[in-house]
Protein backbone atom coordinates (compact mmCIF):
# COMPACT_ATOMS: atom_id res chain seq x y z
CA UNK A 1 -0.05 -0.16 -0.17
CA UNK A 2 1.51 3.33 -1.03
CA UNK A 3 2.66 5.23 1.71
CA UNK A 4 0.84 8.66 2.06
CA UNK A 5 3.08 12.18 1.94
CA UNK A 6 0.78 13.38 4.63
CA UNK A 7 -2.35 12.14 6.47
CA UNK A 8 -4.34 14.15 8.57
CA UNK A 9 -7.14 12.45 10.30
CA UNK A 10 -10.13 14.38 12.49
CA UNK A 11 -7.93 17.34 13.58
CA UNK A 12 -9.37 19.79 15.63
CA UNK A 13 -8.10 22.75 17.77
CA UNK A 14 -9.75 25.04 20.16
CA UNK A 15 -8.57 28.44 21.63
CA UNK A 16 -10.09 28.64 25.28
CA UNK A 17 -13.84 27.88 24.66
CA UNK A 18 -13.75 28.26 20.53
CA UNK A 19 -13.01 25.42 18.11
CA UNK A 20 -10.76 27.34 15.49
CA UNK A 21 -10.67 23.98 13.24
CA UNK A 22 -13.38 21.09 14.17
CA UNK A 23 -12.67 17.50 11.99
CA UNK A 24 -10.40 18.31 9.32
CA UNK A 25 -9.34 14.86 7.69
CA UNK A 26 -7.15 15.00 4.28
CA UNK A 27 -4.58 12.85 2.76
CA UNK A 28 -1.28 13.76 0.15
CA UNK A 29 -0.21 10.89 -1.55
CA UNK A 30 2.14 12.52 -4.67
CA UNK A 31 4.06 15.28 -5.55
CA UNK A 32 2.25 18.54 -6.93
CA UNK A 33 0.52 21.73 -5.08
CA UNK A 34 -2.71 21.46 -3.36
CA UNK A 35 -4.58 24.59 -3.00
CA UNK A 36 -6.07 24.89 0.87
CA UNK A 37 -8.44 27.96 0.16
CA UNK A 38 -10.35 29.53 3.12
CA UNK A 39 -11.53 33.59 3.73
CA UNK A 40 -9.45 35.27 6.56
CA UNK A 41 -9.99 33.69 9.85
CA UNK A 42 -11.35 30.31 8.30
CA UNK A 43 -8.90 28.06 10.29
CA UNK A 44 -6.09 27.90 7.35
CA UNK A 45 -3.19 29.06 9.01
CA UNK A 46 -4.32 27.11 12.48
CA UNK A 47 -4.21 24.11 10.24
CA UNK A 48 -1.01 24.50 8.78
CA UNK A 49 1.04 25.63 12.15
CA UNK A 50 -0.26 22.10 13.30
CA UNK A 51 0.61 20.36 10.66
CA UNK A 52 4.21 22.14 10.66
CA UNK A 53 4.33 21.25 14.42
CA UNK A 54 4.00 24.80 15.50
CA UNK A 55 1.07 24.23 17.92
CA UNK A 56 -0.02 21.13 19.33
CA UNK A 57 -3.94 20.17 18.25
CA UNK A 58 -6.60 19.76 20.75
CA UNK A 59 -7.79 16.51 18.87
CA UNK A 60 -6.66 14.07 16.04
CA UNK A 61 -3.91 13.22 14.69
CA UNK A 62 -1.12 14.34 11.92
CA UNK A 63 1.25 11.75 10.26
CA UNK A 64 4.31 12.86 7.93
CA UNK A 65 5.37 9.66 5.59
CA UNK A 66 3.52 7.74 8.11
CA UNK A 67 5.35 9.10 11.09
CA UNK A 68 3.03 10.68 14.07
CA UNK A 69 3.87 14.24 14.17
CA UNK A 70 3.29 14.47 17.65
CA UNK A 71 4.96 11.29 18.51
CA UNK A 72 8.45 12.15 16.83
CA UNK A 73 8.30 15.93 16.01
CA UNK A 74 11.94 16.02 15.23
CA UNK A 75 11.78 13.39 12.37
CA UNK A 76 9.09 14.66 11.05
CA UNK A 77 10.21 18.16 11.20
CA UNK A 78 12.98 17.15 8.98
CA UNK A 79 10.34 15.89 6.28
CA UNK A 80 9.06 19.00 5.99
CA UNK A 81 9.73 22.58 4.95
CA UNK A 82 7.65 25.98 6.19
CA UNK A 83 6.72 29.43 4.94
CA UNK A 84 5.23 30.77 7.84
CA UNK A 85 3.13 34.35 6.52
CA UNK A 86 5.65 36.24 7.87
CA UNK A 87 8.83 34.74 6.44
CA UNK A 88 11.52 33.80 8.93
CA UNK A 89 14.04 36.35 8.25
CA UNK A 90 17.24 37.52 9.82
CA UNK A 91 17.20 40.93 8.34
CA UNK A 92 20.83 41.90 9.11
CA UNK A 93 22.23 38.97 7.00
CA UNK A 94 23.32 38.75 3.63
CA UNK A 95 21.08 35.85 1.67
CA UNK A 96 24.61 33.60 1.83
CA UNK A 97 24.80 33.92 5.49
CA UNK A 98 21.27 33.25 6.22
CA UNK A 99 20.61 30.06 3.83
CA UNK A 100 23.87 28.63 5.31
CA UNK A 101 21.96 29.34 9.35
CA UNK A 102 19.25 27.91 7.54
CA UNK A 103 20.60 24.75 6.06
CA UNK A 104 22.48 24.50 9.83
CA UNK A 105 19.29 24.46 12.00
CA UNK A 106 18.03 22.09 9.20
CA UNK A 107 20.36 19.68 10.33
CA UNK A 108 22.31 19.76 6.89
CA UNK A 109 25.30 17.76 6.92
CA UNK A 110 27.86 20.39 7.48
CA UNK A 111 30.26 18.78 4.47
CA UNK A 112 26.98 19.14 2.52
CA UNK A 113 25.66 22.88 3.52
CA UNK A 114 27.80 24.67 0.94
CA UNK A 115 26.15 22.76 -1.91
CA UNK A 116 22.72 22.97 -0.61
CA UNK A 117 22.96 26.92 -0.44
CA UNK A 118 24.47 27.06 -3.67
CA UNK A 119 21.46 24.91 -5.23
CA UNK A 120 18.65 26.51 -3.16
CA UNK A 121 19.78 29.83 -4.15
CA UNK A 122 20.07 28.87 -7.85
CA UNK A 123 16.77 27.44 -7.75
CA UNK A 124 15.50 30.46 -6.15
CA UNK A 125 16.76 33.48 -8.32
CA UNK A 126 19.27 34.42 -5.41
CA UNK A 127 22.59 33.54 -6.67
CA UNK A 128 23.40 37.30 -7.85
CA UNK A 129 22.08 38.53 -4.83
CA UNK A 130 24.51 36.11 -2.65
CA UNK A 131 26.16 38.98 -0.60
CA UNK A 132 22.99 41.56 -0.56
CA UNK A 133 21.66 42.12 3.69
CA UNK A 134 18.45 40.52 3.53
CA UNK A 135 17.06 44.00 4.41
CA UNK A 136 18.09 45.46 1.45
CA UNK A 137 16.44 43.37 -0.91
CA UNK A 138 12.93 43.76 -2.44
CA UNK A 139 9.72 42.01 -1.26
CA UNK A 140 9.83 39.82 -4.17
CA UNK A 141 13.48 38.52 -3.25
CA UNK A 142 12.98 38.77 0.34
CA UNK A 143 9.97 36.00 0.53
CA UNK A 144 12.04 33.86 -2.57
CA UNK A 145 14.45 33.93 0.45
CA UNK A 146 12.04 32.69 3.04
CA UNK A 147 10.83 30.02 0.52
CA UNK A 148 14.67 29.11 -0.41
CA UNK A 149 15.00 28.29 3.78
CA UNK A 150 11.95 26.22 3.41
CA UNK A 151 13.47 23.95 0.42
CA UNK A 152 17.32 24.19 1.35
CA UNK A 153 17.11 20.65 3.55
CA UNK A 154 14.94 18.80 0.63
CA UNK A 155 11.84 18.10 2.17
CA UNK A 156 8.75 16.01 1.22
CA UNK A 157 6.60 18.56 1.95
CA UNK A 158 6.83 22.18 1.68
CA UNK A 159 3.79 24.31 3.38
CA UNK A 160 3.26 27.79 2.02
CA UNK A 161 1.53 30.05 3.99
CA UNK A 162 -0.16 33.14 2.01
CA UNK A 163 3.21 33.01 0.23
CA UNK A 164 2.21 36.14 -2.46
CA UNK A 165 0.72 38.26 0.15
CA UNK A 166 2.09 42.01 -0.68
CA UNK A 167 3.58 41.73 -3.56
CA UNK A 168 3.18 43.56 -6.89
CA UNK A 169 1.74 41.51 -9.77
CA UNK A 170 5.23 41.13 -11.64
CA UNK A 171 6.72 39.81 -8.14
CA UNK A 172 3.15 37.62 -7.89
CA UNK A 173 4.55 36.06 -11.42
CA UNK A 174 7.68 35.34 -10.41
CA UNK A 175 6.92 33.33 -7.02
CA UNK A 176 3.86 31.60 -8.78
CA UNK A 177 5.92 30.26 -11.17
CA UNK A 178 8.86 29.21 -9.04
CA UNK A 179 6.25 27.19 -6.52
CA UNK A 180 4.98 25.62 -9.59
CA UNK A 181 8.86 24.31 -10.21
CA UNK A 182 8.55 23.12 -6.08
CA UNK A 183 5.83 21.24 -7.12
CA UNK A 184 7.26 19.30 -9.76
CA UNK A 185 9.39 17.65 -7.45
CA UNK A 186 7.67 18.05 -3.77
CA UNK A 187 4.04 17.82 -2.07
CA UNK A 188 3.49 21.26 -1.54
CA UNK A 189 0.25 22.60 0.45
CA UNK A 190 -0.13 26.51 -0.98
CA UNK A 191 -2.82 28.58 1.38
CA UNK A 192 -4.70 31.67 0.09
CA UNK A 193 -7.73 33.41 0.55
CA UNK A 194 -7.42 34.74 -2.86
CA UNK A 195 -9.13 32.82 -5.59
CA UNK A 196 -7.09 33.69 -8.47
CA UNK A 197 -4.15 32.25 -7.06
CA UNK A 198 -5.27 28.86 -6.54
CA UNK A 199 -6.61 29.11 -9.60
CA UNK A 200 -3.31 29.71 -11.16
CA UNK A 201 -1.47 26.95 -9.73
CA UNK A 202 -3.45 24.66 -8.33
CA UNK A 203 -5.12 21.04 -9.58
CA UNK A 204 -6.69 20.13 -6.16
CA UNK A 205 -8.29 22.40 -3.57
CA UNK A 206 -9.57 22.05 -0.27
CA UNK A 207 -11.70 24.81 1.47
CA UNK A 208 -12.07 25.41 5.17
CA UNK A 209 -14.82 27.84 6.18
CA UNK A 210 -15.25 28.77 9.74
CA UNK A 211 -13.21 25.82 10.56
CA UNK A 212 -14.80 23.01 8.65
CA UNK A 213 -14.21 21.89 5.61
CA UNK A 214 -16.64 22.33 2.89
CA UNK A 215 -14.74 21.56 -0.09
CA UNK A 216 -12.30 18.80 -1.32
CA UNK A 217 -11.82 18.08 -5.11
CA UNK A 218 -10.25 19.43 -7.99
CA UNK A 219 -10.09 22.62 -9.44
CA UNK A 220 -12.03 21.64 -12.32
CA UNK A 221 -14.59 20.95 -9.97
CA UNK A 222 -14.22 23.75 -7.75
CA UNK A 223 -14.97 26.07 -11.02
CA UNK A 224 -18.08 24.25 -11.87
CA UNK A 225 -19.73 23.61 -8.54
CA UNK A 226 -22.60 25.91 -9.14
CA UNK A 227 -24.23 25.36 -12.25
CA UNK A 228 -24.20 28.17 -15.03
CA UNK A 229 -27.66 30.06 -14.69
CA UNK A 230 -27.32 32.21 -17.68
CA UNK A 231 -26.53 32.15 -21.20
CA UNK A 232 -25.54 35.09 -24.09
CA UNK A 233 -27.12 34.97 -27.23
CA UNK A 234 -26.29 36.59 -30.29
CA UNK A 235 -29.25 37.07 -33.28
CA UNK A 236 -29.72 38.75 -36.15
CA UNK A 237 -33.39 38.57 -36.14
CA UNK A 238 -33.82 39.01 -31.94
CA UNK A 239 -37.38 38.58 -31.33
CA UNK A 240 -38.90 41.22 -28.19
CA UNK A 241 -38.31 40.42 -24.68
CA UNK A 242 -41.87 38.89 -24.23
CA UNK A 243 -41.29 36.17 -26.85
CA UNK A 244 -37.81 35.18 -24.79
CA UNK A 245 -39.76 35.25 -21.63
CA UNK A 246 -42.39 32.73 -22.69
CA UNK A 247 -40.07 29.96 -23.01
CA UNK A 248 -40.02 27.73 -20.40
CA UNK A 249 -37.49 27.97 -17.65
CA UNK A 250 -36.32 31.52 -18.50
CA UNK A 251 -36.20 33.80 -15.49
CA UNK A 252 -35.11 37.23 -17.23
CA UNK A 253 -34.25 38.63 -20.27
CA UNK A 254 -31.63 41.28 -21.01
CA UNK A 255 -30.65 42.73 -24.07
CA UNK A 256 -27.17 43.87 -23.96
CA UNK A 257 -27.85 45.35 -27.77
CA UNK A 258 -29.52 45.38 -30.49
CA UNK A 259 -28.24 41.88 -31.11
CA UNK A 260 -26.87 40.45 -27.88
CA UNK A 261 -29.19 38.95 -25.16
CA UNK A 262 -28.65 37.85 -21.59
CA UNK A 263 -31.00 35.16 -20.42
CA UNK A 264 -30.87 33.59 -17.00
CA UNK A 265 -32.64 30.79 -16.49
CA UNK A 266 -34.17 28.29 -13.91
CA UNK A 267 -32.15 25.01 -12.79
CA UNK A 268 -33.48 22.88 -15.70
CA UNK A 269 -30.73 21.60 -17.90
CA UNK A 270 -32.95 21.64 -21.32
CA UNK A 271 -33.74 25.30 -21.01
CA UNK A 272 -30.39 25.64 -23.64
CA UNK A 273 -31.79 23.50 -26.01
CA UNK A 274 -35.28 24.95 -25.84
CA UNK A 275 -33.96 28.53 -26.79
CA UNK A 276 -32.27 27.28 -30.04
CA UNK A 277 -35.37 25.48 -31.33
CA UNK A 278 -37.55 28.28 -30.56
CA UNK A 279 -34.62 30.44 -32.71
CA UNK A 280 -34.87 27.99 -35.43
CA UNK A 281 -38.54 28.10 -35.37
CA UNK A 282 -39.50 31.07 -35.34
CA UNK A 283 -36.29 32.58 -37.74
CA UNK A 284 -34.19 34.50 -34.65
CA UNK A 285 -31.49 33.79 -37.20
CA UNK A 286 -29.02 32.65 -33.66
CA UNK A 287 -25.43 32.99 -34.39
CA UNK A 288 -24.07 32.30 -30.77
CA UNK A 289 -25.16 30.75 -27.79
CA UNK A 290 -22.41 30.42 -24.59
CA UNK A 291 -23.37 29.54 -21.18
CA UNK A 292 -21.99 32.02 -18.61
CA UNK A 293 -19.69 30.01 -15.91
CA UNK A 294 -19.91 30.97 -12.87
CA UNK A 295 -17.46 33.02 -11.62
CA UNK A 296 -15.35 32.01 -8.66
CA UNK A 297 -16.17 34.44 -6.13
CA UNK A 298 -19.72 33.17 -6.44
CA UNK A 299 -18.54 29.70 -5.95
CA UNK A 300 -16.64 31.12 -2.74
CA UNK A 301 -19.48 32.81 -1.64
CA UNK A 302 -21.77 29.57 -1.68
CA UNK A 303 -19.36 27.67 -0.20
CA UNK A 304 -18.78 29.85 2.70
CA UNK A 305 -22.49 30.30 2.88
CA UNK A 306 -22.08 34.38 2.26
CA UNK A 307 -24.61 36.09 -0.13
CA UNK A 308 -22.95 38.42 -2.40
CA UNK A 309 -25.49 40.77 -3.55
């Protein structure tokens, strides 16, 4: 039987009287990037802090490569790398000094530290800044240094908590590229509350809301979680709005211009077929029909039980 890289069983934690997370369970058994999605305060950071041994859970178990993190914390921490929301940088050190220090505390063998530092600087695009004091790096390169410390010991699992927060658009693209490259070699948990970030780099997504898992599936399944309820039509000979409203299942008609119309419809999957049939029978000269995909924001809102109106 294949050994899971990560196995989380019925994980729960409470601060004083309130549960921060409740009965969270999931497995990761292959390399790649898993998106951990949730609004601010949903329980993502609590989950990751427990997973990385920063916090002891109230209930449940976490296994890294089959080893219980609570029973053998030192052994499991050798198998994971962690970048918290605020990268643990020593700003007075140069990039090279900092990564050498990180290699030492990660228990990299002394005769392999120099090679490990060189490899990770090359991987993260930091080689040209090796003598630069961290305080003098841009936000994007500081984040690269934070990612570098998380992978310098070649862990099986890399946990990244909001790694693109505070970066400008170009820096975000660069960090995304780096994370994708890491995901080709290791299991990565990528936490964020920004939907576009998960969509850009993740194939699998799990969503936590109010401390509970509310979704666990592929990114495609997440995109299609809420069925389309509108379609865009292009007609050369469009009818009056009343004729369109008379089609069974149509709940709203909006003329965007002389030829373009948005129709809203009920959950009946046969409505688009009815529209096409009516268009042919009545000579409306239908040239295009496109069902509109539900936006990620709307899916997020429905899953988190928030109304966006």
